Amino acid sequence: MSHITQILNQENTDPKAKINILAKVVDSLSGRLILKIYDKLNPSDRIEFEKLAESQDAIAIDSFLKTKIPGFSKLITEEFEKLDGEVQEKLT
């Protein structure tokens, strides 16, 4: 179980605080992934990605990224694990 999950599963944590923590995790992970995505896409694919992002079609975005970035699912996992490790460092 990740450190982030452990924090969110604590019964004594206020539900509003949990939502705030989760929002910060999602924002941080999203930002990290956007940077990685832009680094891996060529300029024309970046333009296509921006158009898809504006459409907010999650299925099309996911399909595009999995096609254009080999190992995209693994990239998500790696970035989450890095973030989780940073959370652990802050807690110790």
PDB file of N, CA and C in Angstrom:
ATOM      1  N   MET A   1       0.850  -1.179   0.000  1.00  0.00           N
ATOM      2  CA  MET A   1       0.000   0.000   0.000  1.00  0.00           C
ATOM      3  C   MET A   1       0.897   1.244   0.000  1.00  0.00           C
ATOM      4  N   SER A   2       0.558   2.215  -0.806  1.00  0.00           N
ATOM      5  CA  SER A   2       1.363   3.426  -0.897  1.00  0.00           C
ATOM      6  C   SER A   2       1.182   4.288   0.356  1.00  0.00           C
ATOM      7  N   HIS A   3       2.133   5.165   0.568  1.00  0.00           N
ATOM      8  CA  HIS A   3       2.060   6.076   1.716  1.00  0.00           C
ATOM      9  C   HIS A   3       0.880   7.038   1.560  1.00  0.00           C
ATOM     10  N   ILE A   4       0.620   7.423   0.334  1.00  0.00           N
ATOM     11  CA  ILE A   4      -0.512   8.314   0.072  1.00  0.00           C
ATOM     12  C   ILE A   4      -1.817   7.601   0.436  1.00  0.00           C
ATOM     13  N   THR A   5      -1.946   6.350   0.049  1.00  0.00           N
ATOM     14  CA  THR A   5      -3.140   5.576   0.375  1.00  0.00           C
ATOM     15  C   THR A   5      -3.292   5.417   1.882  1.00  0.00           C
ATOM     16  N   GLN A   6      -2.185   5.179   2.557  1.00  0.00           N
ATOM     17  CA  GLN A   6      -2.229   5.039   4.016  1.00  0.00           C
ATOM     18  C   GLN A   6      -2.750   6.314   4.672  1.00  0.00           C
ATOM     19  N   ILE A   7      -2.301   7.459   4.188  1.00  0.00           N
ATOM     20  CA  ILE A   7      -2.762   8.739   4.739  1.00  0.00           C
ATOM     21  C   ILE A   7      -4.264   8.899   4.509  1.00  0.00           C
ATOM     22  N   LEU A   8      -4.697   8.577   3.299  1.00  0.00           N
ATOM     23  CA  LEU A   8      -6.115   8.746   2.966  1.00  0.00           C
ATOM     24  C   LEU A   8      -7.006   7.749   3.692  1.00  0.00           C
ATOM     25  N   ASN A   9      -6.448   6.626   4.121  1.00  0.00           N
ATOM     26  CA  ASN A   9      -7.233   5.608   4.824  1.00  0.00           C
ATOM     27  C   ASN A   9      -7.277   5.803   6.340  1.00  0.00           C
ATOM     28  N   GLN A  10      -6.549   6.776   6.848  1.00  0.00           N
ATOM     29  CA  GLN A  10      -6.571   7.004   8.295  1.00  0.00           C
ATOM     30  C   GLN A  10      -7.951   7.499   8.718  1.00  0.00           C
ATOM     31  N   GLU A  11      -8.497   6.833   9.702  1.00  0.00           N
ATOM     32  CA  GLU A  11      -9.848   7.171  10.147  1.00  0.00           C
ATOM     33  C   GLU A  11      -9.915   8.518  10.858  1.00  0.00           C
ATOM     34  N   ASN A  12      -8.814   8.923  11.495  1.00  0.00           N
ATOM     35  CA  ASN A  12      -8.847  10.171  12.252  1.00  0.00           C
ATOM     36  C   ASN A  12      -8.581  11.408  11.392  1.00  0.00           C
ATOM     37  N   THR A  13      -8.380  11.222  10.096  1.00  0.00           N
ATOM     38  CA  THR A  13      -8.168  12.357   9.202  1.00  0.00           C
ATOM     39  C   THR A  13      -9.511  12.908   8.745  1.00  0.00           C
ATOM     40  N   ASP A  14      -9.672  14.204   8.882  1.00  0.00           N
ATOM     41  CA  ASP A  14     -10.897  14.889   8.488  1.00  0.00           C
ATOM     42  C   ASP A  14     -11.179  14.648   7.001  1.00  0.00           C
ATOM     43  N   PRO A  15     -12.426  14.341   6.648  1.00  0.00           N
ATOM     44  CA  PRO A  15     -12.760  14.083   5.237  1.00  0.00           C
ATOM     45  C   PRO A  15     -12.388  15.247   4.302  1.00  0.00           C
ATOM     46  N   LYS A  16     -12.547  16.472   4.770  1.00  0.00           N
ATOM     47  CA  LYS A  16     -12.178  17.623   3.940  1.00  0.00           C
ATOM     48  C   LYS A  16     -10.664  17.667   3.722  1.00  0.00           C
ATOM     49  N   ALA A  17      -9.909  17.289   4.747  1.00  0.00           N
ATOM     50  CA  ALA A  17      -8.454  17.237   4.610  1.00  0.00           C
ATOM     51  C   ALA A  17      -8.055  16.153   3.617  1.00  0.00           C
ATOM     52  N   LYS A  18      -8.753  15.029   3.631  1.00  0.00           N
ATOM     53  CA  LYS A  18      -8.474  13.950   2.681  1.00  0.00           C
ATOM     54  C   LYS A  18      -8.693  14.419   1.244  1.00  0.00           C
ATOM     55  N   ILE A  19      -9.781  15.138   1.045  1.00  0.00           N
ATOM     56  CA  ILE A  19     -10.078  15.657  -0.296  1.00  0.00           C
ATOM     57  C   ILE A  19      -8.995  16.638  -0.724  1.00  0.00           C
ATOM     58  N   ASN A  20      -8.552  17.477   0.192  1.00  0.00           N
ATOM     59  CA  ASN A  20      -7.490  18.437  -0.100  1.00  0.00           C
ATOM     60  C   ASN A  20      -6.184  17.722  -0.446  1.00  0.00           C
ATOM     61  N   ILE A  21      -5.852  16.695   0.319  1.00  0.00           N
ATOM     62  CA  ILE A  21      -4.635  15.916   0.061  1.00  0.00           C
ATOM     63  C   ILE A  21      -4.724  15.254  -1.307  1.00  0.00           C
ATOM     64  N   LEU A  22      -5.857  14.633  -1.578  1.00  0.00           N
ATOM     65  CA  LEU A  22      -6.034  13.949  -2.853  1.00  0.00           C
ATOM     66  C   LEU A  22      -5.938  14.932  -4.023  1.00  0.00           C
ATOM     67  N   ALA A  23      -6.524  16.111  -3.874  1.00  0.00           N
ATOM     68  CA  ALA A  23      -6.450  17.124  -4.930  1.00  0.00           C
ATOM     69  C   ALA A  23      -5.003  17.538  -5.185  1.00  0.00           C
ATOM     70  N   LYS A  24      -4.230  17.700  -4.116  1.00  0.00           N
ATOM     71  CA  LYS A  24      -2.818  18.070  -4.279  1.00  0.00           C
ATOM     72  C   LYS A  24      -2.023  16.962  -4.958  1.00  0.00           C
ATOM     73  N   VAL A  25      -2.312  15.724  -4.611  1.00  0.00           N
ATOM     74  CA  VAL A  25      -1.630  14.584  -5.233  1.00  0.00           C
ATOM     75  C   VAL A  25      -1.951  14.541  -6.725  1.00  0.00           C
ATOM     76  N   VAL A  26      -3.222  14.682  -7.066  1.00  0.00           N
ATOM     77  CA  VAL A  26      -3.641  14.651  -8.460  1.00  0.00           C
ATOM     78  C   VAL A  26      -2.995  15.800  -9.233  1.00  0.00           C
ATOM     79  N   ASP A  27      -2.994  17.000  -8.667  1.00  0.00           N
ATOM     80  CA  ASP A  27      -2.369  18.149  -9.331  1.00  0.00           C
ATOM     81  C   ASP A  27      -0.880  17.918  -9.562  1.00  0.00           C
ATOM     82  N   SER A  28      -0.208  17.428  -8.543  1.00  0.00           N
ATOM     83  CA  SER A  28       1.219  17.190  -8.662  1.00  0.00           C
ATOM     84  C   SER A  28       1.522  16.111  -9.693  1.00  0.00           C
ATOM     85  N   LEU A  29       0.787  15.021  -9.636  1.00  0.00           N
ATOM     86  CA  LEU A  29       1.004  13.929 -10.581  1.00  0.00           C
ATOM     87  C   LEU A  29       0.685  14.381 -12.005  1.00  0.00           C
ATOM     88  N   SER A  30      -0.389  15.123 -12.172  1.00  0.00           N
ATOM     89  CA  SER A  30      -0.764  15.623 -13.506  1.00  0.00           C
ATOM     90  C   SER A  30       0.330  16.521 -14.074  1.00  0.00           C
ATOM     91  N   GLY A  31       0.836  17.416 -13.247  1.00  0.00           N
ATOM     92  CA  GLY A  31       1.907  18.315 -13.693  1.00  0.00           C
ATOM     93  C   GLY A  31       3.150  17.556 -14.111  1.00  0.00           C
ATOM     94  N   ARG A  32       3.525  16.578 -13.318  1.00  0.00           N
ATOM     95  CA  ARG A  32       4.697  15.761 -13.646  1.00  0.00           C
ATOM     96  C   ARG A  32       4.495  15.033 -14.965  1.00  0.00           C
ATOM     97  N   LEU A  33       3.311  14.464 -15.132  1.00  0.00           N
ATOM     98  CA  LEU A  33       3.049  13.708 -16.354  1.00  0.00           C
ATOM     99  C   LEU A  33       3.028  14.611 -17.582  1.00  0.00           C
ATOM    100  N   ILE A  34       2.472  15.792 -17.456  1.00  0.00           N
ATOM    101  CA  ILE A  34       2.448  16.731 -18.585  1.00  0.00           C
ATOM    102  C   ILE A  34       3.874  17.051 -19.031  1.00  0.00           C
ATOM    103  N   LEU A  35       4.759  17.296 -18.069  1.00  0.00           N
ATOM    104  CA  LEU A  35       6.154  17.580 -18.416  1.00  0.00           C
ATOM    105  C   LEU A  35       6.796  16.402 -19.130  1.00  0.00           C
ATOM    106  N   LYS A  36       6.563  15.199 -18.644  1.00  0.00           N
ATOM    107  CA  LYS A  36       7.123  13.993 -19.267  1.00  0.00           C
ATOM    108  C   LYS A  36       6.539  13.798 -20.666  1.00  0.00           C
ATOM    109  N   ILE A  37       5.240  14.016 -20.794  1.00  0.00           N
ATOM    110  CA  ILE A  37       4.572  13.849 -22.088  1.00  0.00           C
ATOM    111  C   ILE A  37       5.172  14.809 -23.116  1.00  0.00           C
ATOM    112  N   TYR A  38       5.274  16.087 -22.756  1.00  0.00           N
ATOM    113  CA  TYR A  38       5.817  17.071 -23.690  1.00  0.00           C
ATOM    114  C   TYR A  38       7.254  16.753 -24.062  1.00  0.00           C
ATOM    115  N   ASP A  39       8.003  16.221 -23.122  1.00  0.00           N
ATOM    116  CA  ASP A  39       9.390  15.860 -23.386  1.00  0.00           C
ATOM    117  C   ASP A  39       9.484  14.731 -24.405  1.00  0.00           C
ATOM    118  N   LYS A  40       8.513  13.838 -24.404  1.00  0.00           N
ATOM    119  CA  LYS A  40       8.562  12.646 -25.258  1.00  0.00           C
ATOM    120  C   LYS A  40       7.878  12.832 -26.614  1.00  0.00           C
ATOM    121  N   LEU A  41       7.009  13.828 -26.743  1.00  0.00           N
ATOM    122  CA  LEU A  41       6.298  14.039 -28.007  1.00  0.00           C
ATOM    123  C   LEU A  41       7.064  14.973 -28.932  1.00  0.00           C
ATOM    124  N   ASN A  42       6.938  14.723 -30.224  1.00  0.00           N
ATOM    125  CA  ASN A  42       7.526  15.656 -31.187  1.00  0.00           C
ATOM    126  C   ASN A  42       6.580  16.856 -31.333  1.00  0.00           C
ATOM    127  N   PRO A  43       7.038  17.946 -31.942  1.00  0.00           N
ATOM    128  CA  PRO A  43       6.205  19.163 -32.005  1.00  0.00           C
ATOM    129  C   PRO A  43       4.809  18.961 -32.604  1.00  0.00           C
ATOM    130  N   SER A  44       4.691  18.186 -33.667  1.00  0.00           N
ATOM    131  CA  SER A  44       3.352  18.006 -34.257  1.00  0.00           C
ATOM    132  C   SER A  44       2.455  17.172 -33.341  1.00  0.00           C
ATOM    133  N   ASP A  45       3.034  16.200 -32.647  1.00  0.00           N
ATOM    134  CA  ASP A  45       2.247  15.412 -31.696  1.00  0.00           C
ATOM    135  C   ASP A  45       1.841  16.247 -30.486  1.00  0.00           C
ATOM    136  N   ARG A  46       2.659  17.196 -30.113  1.00  0.00           N
ATOM    137  CA  ARG A  46       2.294  18.101 -29.004  1.00  0.00           C
ATOM    138  C   ARG A  46       1.054  18.899 -29.364  1.00  0.00           C
ATOM    139  N   ILE A  47       1.007  19.383 -30.599  1.00  0.00           N
ATOM    140  CA  ILE A  47      -0.161  20.149 -31.052  1.00  0.00           C
ATOM    141  C   ILE A  47      -1.406  19.267 -31.014  1.00  0.00           C
ATOM    142  N   GLU A  48      -1.264  18.041 -31.500  1.00  0.00           N
ATOM    143  CA  GLU A  48      -2.390  17.100 -31.479  1.00  0.00           C
ATOM    144  C   GLU A  48      -2.828  16.810 -30.045  1.00  0.00           C
ATOM    145  N   PHE A  49      -1.862  16.627 -29.156  1.00  0.00           N
ATOM    146  CA  PHE A  49      -2.175  16.379 -27.753  1.00  0.00           C
ATOM    147  C   PHE A  49      -2.931  17.561 -27.145  1.00  0.00           C
ATOM    148  N   GLU A  50      -2.505  18.774 -27.453  1.00  0.00           N
ATOM    149  CA  GLU A  50      -3.184  19.968 -26.929  1.00  0.00           C
ATOM    150  C   GLU A  50      -4.631  20.025 -27.400  1.00  0.00           C
ATOM    151  N   LYS A  51      -4.864  19.678 -28.662  1.00  0.00           N
ATOM    152  CA  LYS A  51      -6.236  19.660 -29.187  1.00  0.00           C
ATOM    153  C   LYS A  51      -7.079  18.625 -28.442  1.00  0.00           C
ATOM    154  N   LEU A  52      -6.491  17.452 -28.231  1.00  0.00           N
ATOM    155  CA  LEU A  52      -7.212  16.411 -27.500  1.00  0.00           C
ATOM    156  C   LEU A  52      -7.489  16.840 -26.059  1.00  0.00           C
ATOM    157  N   ALA A  53      -6.505  17.486 -25.441  1.00  0.00           N
ATOM    158  CA  ALA A  53      -6.679  17.943 -24.056  1.00  0.00           C
ATOM    159  C   ALA A  53      -7.812  18.958 -23.967  1.00  0.00           C
ATOM    160  N   GLU A  54      -7.906  19.834 -24.948  1.00  0.00           N
ATOM    161  CA  GLU A  54      -8.992  20.816 -24.962  1.00  0.00           C
ATOM    162  C   GLU A  54     -10.354  20.144 -25.117  1.00  0.00           C
ATOM    163  N   SER A  55     -10.389  19.037 -25.846  1.00  0.00           N
ATOM    164  CA  SER A  55     -11.656  18.331 -26.044  1.00  0.00           C
ATOM    165  C   SER A  55     -12.097  17.594 -24.786  1.00  0.00           C
ATOM    166  N   GLN A  56     -11.146  17.334 -23.888  1.00  0.00           N
ATOM    167  CA  GLN A  56     -11.390  16.613 -22.632  1.00  0.00           C
ATOM    168  C   GLN A  56     -11.969  15.217 -22.868  1.00  0.00           C
ATOM    169  N   ASP A  57     -11.614  14.629 -24.003  1.00  0.00           N
ATOM    170  CA  ASP A  57     -12.041  13.265 -24.315  1.00  0.00           C
ATOM    171  C   ASP A  57     -10.998  12.310 -23.732  1.00  0.00           C
ATOM    172  N   ALA A  58     -11.261  11.830 -22.531  1.00  0.00           N
ATOM    173  CA  ALA A  58     -10.285  11.020 -21.798  1.00  0.00           C
ATOM    174  C   ALA A  58      -9.904   9.749 -22.556  1.00  0.00           C
ATOM    175  N   ILE A  59     -10.843   9.144 -23.229  1.00  0.00           N
ATOM    176  CA  ILE A  59     -10.553   7.906 -23.964  1.00  0.00           C
ATOM    177  C   ILE A  59      -9.622   8.191 -25.140  1.00  0.00           C
ATOM    178  N   ALA A  60      -9.904   9.256 -25.868  1.00  0.00           N
ATOM    179  CA  ALA A  60      -9.055   9.622 -27.011  1.00  0.00           C
ATOM    180  C   ALA A  60      -7.660  10.021 -26.546  1.00  0.00           C
ATOM    181  N   ILE A  61      -7.577  10.756 -25.441  1.00  0.00           N
ATOM    182  CA  ILE A  61      -6.283  11.168 -24.900  1.00  0.00           C
ATOM    183  C   ILE A  61      -5.474   9.945 -24.491  1.00  0.00           C
ATOM    184  N   ASP A  62      -6.105   9.036 -23.776  1.00  0.00           N
ATOM    185  CA  ASP A  62      -5.429   7.822 -23.324  1.00  0.00           C
ATOM    186  C   ASP A  62      -4.926   7.000 -24.511  1.00  0.00           C
ATOM    187  N   SER A  63      -5.765   6.830 -25.504  1.00  0.00           N
ATOM    188  CA  SER A  63      -5.393   6.071 -26.696  1.00  0.00           C
ATOM    189  C   SER A  63      -4.223   6.738 -27.425  1.00  0.00           C
ATOM    190  N   PHE A  64      -4.291   8.038 -27.579  1.00  0.00           N
ATOM    191  CA  PHE A  64      -3.229   8.797 -28.249  1.00  0.00           C
ATOM    192  C   PHE A  64      -1.898   8.625 -27.511  1.00  0.00           C
ATOM    193  N   LEU A  65      -1.923   8.805 -26.195  1.00  0.00           N
ATOM    194  CA  LEU A  65      -0.686   8.721 -25.418  1.00  0.00           C
ATOM    195  C   LEU A  65      -0.106   7.310 -25.416  1.00  0.00           C
ATOM    196  N   LYS A  66      -0.967   6.319 -25.337  1.00  0.00           N
ATOM    197  CA  LYS A  66      -0.473   4.938 -25.368  1.00  0.00           C
ATOM    198  C   LYS A  66       0.126   4.592 -26.735  1.00  0.00           C
ATOM    199  N   THR A  67      -0.378   5.234 -27.776  1.00  0.00           N
ATOM    200  CA  THR A  67       0.153   5.010 -29.117  1.00  0.00           C
ATOM    201  C   THR A  67       1.475   5.757 -29.323  1.00  0.00           C
ATOM    202  N   LYS A  68       1.542   6.980 -28.844  1.00  0.00           N
ATOM    203  CA  LYS A  68       2.697   7.841 -29.117  1.00  0.00           C
ATOM    204  C   LYS A  68       3.846   7.669 -28.127  1.00  0.00           C
ATOM    205  N   ILE A  69       3.536   7.200 -26.915  1.00  0.00           N
ATOM    206  CA  ILE A  69       4.570   7.070 -25.883  1.00  0.00           C
ATOM    207  C   ILE A  69       4.634   5.621 -25.431  1.00  0.00           C
ATOM    208  N   PRO A  70       5.614   4.897 -25.946  1.00  0.00           N
ATOM    209  CA  PRO A  70       5.754   3.503 -25.506  1.00  0.00           C
ATOM    210  C   PRO A  70       5.937   3.426 -23.988  1.00  0.00           C
ATOM    211  N   GLY A  71       5.237   2.511 -23.360  1.00  0.00           N
ATOM    212  CA  GLY A  71       5.353   2.358 -21.914  1.00  0.00           C
ATOM    213  C   GLY A  71       4.668   3.459 -21.122  1.00  0.00           C
ATOM    214  N   PHE A  72       3.641   4.071 -21.705  1.00  0.00           N
ATOM    215  CA  PHE A  72       2.965   5.186 -21.026  1.00  0.00           C
ATOM    216  C   PHE A  72       2.383   4.773 -19.677  1.00  0.00           C
ATOM    217  N   SER A  73       1.781   3.596 -19.614  1.00  0.00           N
ATOM    218  CA  SER A  73       1.205   3.125 -18.341  1.00  0.00           C
ATOM    219  C   SER A  73       2.294   2.975 -17.280  1.00  0.00           C
ATOM    220  N   LYS A  74       3.444   2.480 -17.691  1.00  0.00           N
ATOM    221  CA  LYS A  74       4.572   2.329 -16.771  1.00  0.00           C
ATOM    222  C   LYS A  74       5.061   3.703 -16.307  1.00  0.00           C
ATOM    223  N   LEU A  75       5.039   4.680 -17.207  1.00  0.00           N
ATOM    224  CA  LEU A  75       5.445   6.045 -16.863  1.00  0.00           C
ATOM    225  C   LEU A  75       4.553   6.606 -15.750  1.00  0.00           C
ATOM    226  N   ILE A  76       3.264   6.360 -15.850  1.00  0.00           N
ATOM    227  CA  ILE A  76       2.329   6.825 -14.818  1.00  0.00           C
ATOM    228  C   ILE A  76       2.684   6.195 -13.473  1.00  0.00           C
ATOM    229  N   THR A  77       2.898   4.898 -13.488  1.00  0.00           N
ATOM    230  CA  THR A  77       3.243   4.181 -12.253  1.00  0.00           C
ATOM    231  C   THR A  77       4.539   4.705 -11.662  1.00  0.00           C
ATOM    232  N   GLU A  78       5.538   4.911 -12.491  1.00  0.00           N
ATOM    233  CA  GLU A  78       6.829   5.409 -12.011  1.00  0.00           C
ATOM    234  C   GLU A  78       6.695   6.792 -11.376  1.00  0.00           C
ATOM    235  N   GLU A  79       5.947   7.659 -12.005  1.00  0.00           N
ATOM    236  CA  GLU A  79       5.774   9.013 -11.466  1.00  0.00           C
ATOM    237  C   GLU A  79       4.997   8.989 -10.155  1.00  0.00           C
ATOM    238  N   PHE A  80       3.991   8.116 -10.057  1.00  0.00           N
ATOM    239  CA  PHE A  80       3.256   7.993  -8.802  1.00  0.00           C
ATOM    240  C   PHE A  80       4.172   7.487  -7.697  1.00  0.00           C
ATOM    241  N   GLU A  81       5.006   6.504  -8.016  1.00  0.00           N
ATOM    242  CA  GLU A  81       5.921   5.961  -7.013  1.00  0.00           C
ATOM    243  C   GLU A  81       6.933   7.010  -6.555  1.00  0.00           C
ATOM    244  N   LYS A  82       7.405   7.852  -7.476  1.00  0.00           N
ATOM    245  CA  LYS A  82       8.316   8.940  -7.087  1.00  0.00           C
ATOM    246  C   LYS A  82       7.610   9.907  -6.137  1.00  0.00           C
ATOM    247  N   LEU A  83       6.392  10.272  -6.495  1.00  0.00           N
ATOM    248  CA  LEU A  83       5.612  11.182  -5.658  1.00  0.00           C
ATOM    249  C   LEU A  83       5.351  10.569  -4.291  1.00  0.00           C
ATOM    250  N   ASP A  84       5.011   9.292  -4.274  1.00  0.00           N
ATOM    251  CA  ASP A  84       4.756   8.596  -3.020  1.00  0.00           C
ATOM    252  C   ASP A  84       6.014   8.579  -2.150  1.00  0.00           C
ATOM    253  N   GLY A  85       7.172   8.362  -2.763  1.00  0.00           N
ATOM    254  CA  GLY A  85       8.436   8.395  -2.025  1.00  0.00           C
ATOM    255  C   GLY A  85       8.703   9.765  -1.434  1.00  0.00           C
ATOM    256  N   GLU A  86       8.379  10.816  -2.167  1.00  0.00           N
ATOM    257  CA  GLU A  86       8.560  12.173  -1.656  1.00  0.00           C
ATOM    258  C   GLU A  86       7.633  12.443  -0.474  1.00  0.00           C
ATOM    259  N   VAL A  87       6.415  11.914  -0.549  1.00  0.00           N
ATOM    260  CA  VAL A  87       5.474  12.057   0.573  1.00  0.00           C
ATOM    261  C   VAL A  87       6.048  11.361   1.800  1.00  0.00           C
ATOM    262  N   GLN A  88       6.594  10.170   1.609  1.00  0.00           N
ATOM    263  CA  GLN A  88       7.189   9.437   2.722  1.00  0.00           C
ATOM    264  C   GLN A  88       8.347  10.225   3.348  1.00  0.00           C
ATOM    265  N   GLU A  89       9.194  10.820   2.512  1.00  0.00           N
ATOM    266  CA  GLU A  89      10.311  11.613   3.012  1.00  0.00           C
ATOM    267  C   GLU A  89       9.826  12.786   3.871  1.00  0.00           C
ATOM    268  N   LYS A  90       8.751  13.420   3.443  1.00  0.00           N
ATOM    269  CA  LYS A  90       8.216  14.562   4.191  1.00  0.00           C
ATOM    270  C   LYS A  90       7.607  14.137   5.522  1.00  0.00           C
ATOM    271  N   LEU A  91       7.129  12.907   5.584  1.00  0.00           N
ATOM    272  CA  LEU A  91       6.497  12.427   6.806  1.00  0.00           C
ATOM    273  C   LEU A  91       7.512  11.913   7.838  1.00  0.00           C
ATOM    274  N   THR A  92       8.731  11.655   7.395  1.00  0.00           N
ATOM    275  CA  THR A  92       9.739  11.135   8.325  1.00  0.00           C
ATOM    276  C   THR A  92      10.716  12.197   8.742  1.00  0.00           C
TER     277      THR A  92
END
